Protein backbone atom coordinates (compact mmCIF):
# COMPACT_ATOMS: atom_id res chain seq x y z
CA UNK A 1 -139.46 177.36 -16.44
CA UNK A 2 -138.59 175.31 -19.52
CA UNK A 3 -142.28 174.67 -20.21
CA UNK A 4 -143.02 178.41 -20.14
CA UNK A 5 -145.08 178.24 -16.95
CA UNK A 6 -143.18 181.05 -15.27
CA UNK A 7 -144.80 183.97 -17.05
CA UNK A 8 -144.09 187.44 -15.81
CA UNK A 9 -145.63 190.89 -16.16
CA UNK A 10 -144.37 191.16 -19.72
CA UNK A 11 -144.53 188.50 -22.41
CA UNK A 12 -140.81 188.59 -23.21
CA UNK A 13 -139.63 187.56 -19.75
CA UNK A 14 -139.89 184.65 -17.35
CA UNK A 15 -139.85 184.96 -13.57
CA UNK A 16 -138.04 182.78 -11.03
CA UNK A 17 -140.52 183.74 -8.31
CA UNK A 18 -143.54 182.70 -10.35
CA UNK A 19 -141.77 179.43 -11.25
CA UNK A 20 -141.27 178.79 -7.51
CA UNK A 21 -144.90 179.65 -6.72
CA UNK A 22 -144.01 182.91 -4.97
CA UNK A 23 -145.91 186.12 -5.68
CA UNK A 24 -144.08 189.06 -7.22
CA UNK A 25 -142.42 191.21 -4.53
CA UNK A 26 -142.77 194.29 -6.78
CA UNK A 27 -146.53 194.56 -7.30
CA UNK A 28 -146.20 198.27 -8.10
CA UNK A 29 -143.96 197.73 -11.16
CA UNK A 30 -145.25 197.76 -14.73
CA UNK A 31 -142.58 195.43 -16.11
CA UNK A 32 -139.87 193.00 -15.09
CA UNK A 33 -136.74 194.48 -16.67
CA UNK A 34 -134.29 195.25 -13.90
CA UNK A 35 -135.79 192.81 -11.42
CA UNK A 36 -133.42 190.29 -9.90
CA UNK A 37 -135.92 187.48 -10.48
CA UNK A 38 -136.33 188.11 -14.21
CA UNK A 39 -134.76 185.38 -16.35
CA UNK A 40 -134.70 186.65 -19.95
CA UNK A 41 -131.91 189.22 -19.55
CA UNK A 42 -129.63 186.83 -17.69
CA UNK A 43 -130.25 184.06 -20.21
CA UNK A 44 -129.55 186.43 -23.10
CA UNK A 45 -126.26 187.56 -21.57
CA UNK A 46 -125.31 183.94 -20.93
CA UNK A 47 -126.05 182.99 -24.56
CA UNK A 48 -124.12 185.97 -25.89
CA UNK A 49 -121.09 185.05 -23.82
CA UNK A 50 -121.29 181.42 -24.95
CA UNK A 51 -121.32 182.63 -28.55
CA UNK A 52 -118.40 184.98 -27.85
CA UNK A 53 -116.39 182.05 -26.49
CA UNK A 54 -117.43 179.70 -29.30
CA UNK A 55 -116.51 182.13 -32.09
CA UNK A 56 -113.18 183.01 -30.49
CA UNK A 57 -112.25 179.34 -30.13
CA UNK A 58 -113.27 178.63 -33.73
CA UNK A 59 -111.31 181.66 -34.90
CA UNK A 60 -108.18 180.41 -33.16
CA UNK A 61 -108.50 176.83 -34.35
CA UNK A 62 -109.12 177.45 -38.05
CA UNK A 63 -106.37 177.39 -40.62
CA UNK A 64 -108.66 178.87 -43.25
CA UNK A 65 -108.20 182.65 -43.59
CA UNK A 66 -111.73 183.12 -44.96
CA UNK A 67 -113.25 181.38 -41.94
CA UNK A 68 -111.00 183.38 -39.63
CA UNK A 69 -112.23 186.62 -41.22
CA UNK A 70 -115.84 185.43 -41.00
CA UNK A 71 -115.51 184.70 -37.27
CA UNK A 72 -113.84 188.07 -36.71
CA UNK A 73 -116.65 189.91 -38.51
CA UNK A 74 -119.33 188.03 -36.55
CA UNK A 75 -117.60 188.93 -33.29
CA UNK A 76 -116.94 192.57 -34.16
CA UNK A 77 -120.22 193.39 -35.92
CA UNK A 78 -122.74 191.26 -34.02
CA UNK A 79 -121.73 189.64 -30.75
CA UNK A 80 -119.49 192.24 -29.14
CA UNK A 81 -121.78 195.22 -29.93
CA UNK A 82 -124.73 193.29 -28.45
CA UNK A 83 -122.75 192.55 -25.28
CA UNK A 84 -121.63 196.18 -25.05
CA UNK A 85 -125.20 197.43 -25.53
CA UNK A 86 -126.53 195.08 -22.86
CA UNK A 87 -123.84 196.15 -20.38
CA UNK A 88 -124.73 199.81 -20.90
CA UNK A 89 -128.45 199.18 -20.52
CA UNK A 90 -128.03 196.91 -17.50
CA UNK A 91 -125.90 199.54 -15.77
CA UNK A 92 -128.96 201.79 -15.84
CA UNK A 93 -131.69 199.21 -15.18
CA UNK A 94 -130.19 196.95 -12.52
CA UNK A 95 -129.01 197.51 -8.99
CA UNK A 96 -125.26 197.44 -8.43
CA UNK A 97 -125.50 193.93 -6.96
CA UNK A 98 -127.47 192.50 -9.89
CA UNK A 99 -125.30 194.34 -12.42
CA UNK A 100 -122.20 192.93 -10.76
CA UNK A 101 -123.49 189.37 -11.21
CA UNK A 102 -124.06 189.91 -14.93
CA UNK A 103 -120.73 191.69 -15.35
CA UNK A 104 -119.02 188.70 -13.68
CA UNK A 105 -120.44 186.48 -16.44
CA UNK A 106 -118.89 188.74 -19.08
CA UNK A 107 -115.56 188.81 -17.29
CA UNK A 108 -115.54 185.02 -16.93
CA UNK A 109 -116.15 184.61 -20.67
CA UNK A 110 -113.39 187.04 -21.62
CA UNK A 111 -111.05 185.41 -19.13
CA UNK A 112 -111.85 181.93 -20.48
CA UNK A 113 -111.01 183.02 -24.02
CA UNK A 114 -107.78 184.64 -22.81
CA UNK A 115 -106.72 181.45 -20.99
CA UNK A 116 -107.42 179.37 -24.09
CA UNK A 117 -104.72 181.09 -26.16
């Protein structure tokens, strides 16, 4: 996967099945978005949540009001809208089971930040 040898039907995604040497179970699909074996969407959500946690922790630890405002703006204008947009899109594209897994990641990140107060 890390070497890019898990290509999928579309250039922007990677596939766990292909990485494991298994053929795609959805031969009739045109793309991979919404498939449980697609990696890109899950990795993106994971990275967004890591950034959400990182910025919140930095915001809480800084004594500098300018830095605090900068972290707040990054969270409110960039990270949180991207997470919100992904959640709304994933609700439509993914099955309830797959959506639940991604939503758990969001909830874990929010919970982690809440516990770190």
